[in-house]
Amino acid sequence: MTAPERKVMKVLNGETIAPPPIWIMRQAGRYLPEYRETRATAKGFLDLCYTPDLAVEVTLQPIRRYGLDASILFSDILVLPDALKCGVRFVEGEGPRLDPIDADGIGKLDPSGMHEHLAPVYETVARLRAELPPETTLLGFCGAPWTVATYMIAGRGTPDQAPARLFGYREPDAFLKLLDLLADMSADYLIRQIEAGADAVQVFDSWSGVLDEACFQAYCIRPMRRIVDKVRMTKPGAKIIGFPKGAGMLYRSYRENTGVDALGLDWTVPLSFAAELQKDGPIQGNLDPLRVVAGRRSIKDGVDRILEVLANGPLIFNLGHGITPQADPEDVGYLVDHVRGTA
């Protein structure tokens, strides 16, 4: 029996496919009525993440609806600080809250029970691989150490992550210790996801764009290199997508110095620069999520521009960040069809 062709994996191996494969960041989310129905049955957001029956269901929903080329595990980047007993909770309408950590607290963090705590996530991955269509790539993921650390220091998201930046300047040794701990935990977490059935993994560095060049090197590139090296020591063929949102001109340095297989590009990256980055390997992105909210003419214009410039190289089509709750599911279907040339 011939093995199924997983188009996303082919692109991650450097192939150019026309039309390019497509998936959507946050594709299992509040814009889908079926997601909202399932979410209403959970006791809370973390319960949704840690209950395999529910996490599998919401992960599969956009695959059933759109036949996307990849499915990404439904979870959250804050499950690692939750495993470290950092008091993670989600406040309706406000987002995540944690117990803020200081230098003394960093020294007391204990990751020893991590895999037991995250066992439901690994079960979800295994069940997804068994239930997904054989041609659909299954992506695991985690948050990058810098982005996760920003929430741990501030206890919440902040507009420019000033608390974490200040902490890094004032307590550099403690902060680098935290980043190294998170990098090692992240690598172990990704390895377990791959062992459970993930075909490839993505690391989300959602807050890399607030850093100066020196801090980007220390807080984003250095820990990501540590993750990539550790994962590949155990899984030499592992495919890893790095998404340092807002990295700007530093995207090139990120690729050269982390060893990732593919770059996820945010929507602010000029297509001319994206084409330069594509010469060195696969890229993913980078439609502005608000084009989906704006409607079909805006979607068509954005998609056409991206395909005109980037379709002749290794490209995974995606948004430049997560889809928003305001997106119309019918317009998302149009997006998928237009990328595939069927709309």
Foldseek 3Di string as FASTA:
>chain_A
DDQAAQQLVVLLVWDFDVLHFEDAFPLLDQLDPVSVVLCVVAPFDQSCQLALVNQLVSQCVSCVVAVGSATEGDHAQQLQVVLQVQQWHADPPAGIFGNADALVRLVVGDNVCVCVSCVSSLVNLLVNCVPPDSNHAYEYEHEQQLQNNLCNHVRGDDDLSVRLVVRCVVPVVSSLSSNLVVLVVRLVVVLSSVVSPHQAYEYHQPNLQNDDPVCNVRRPQVSLLSSVVSNCVVVVPHAYEYENENCAPCQVVSCVRRVHSEYEAEQVHDLVVVLVVLVVHEYEDAAALVLQLVADVSLLVRLVVNCVRPSVTSYHYYHNHHHDSNGNPVSVSVNSCVSNVND
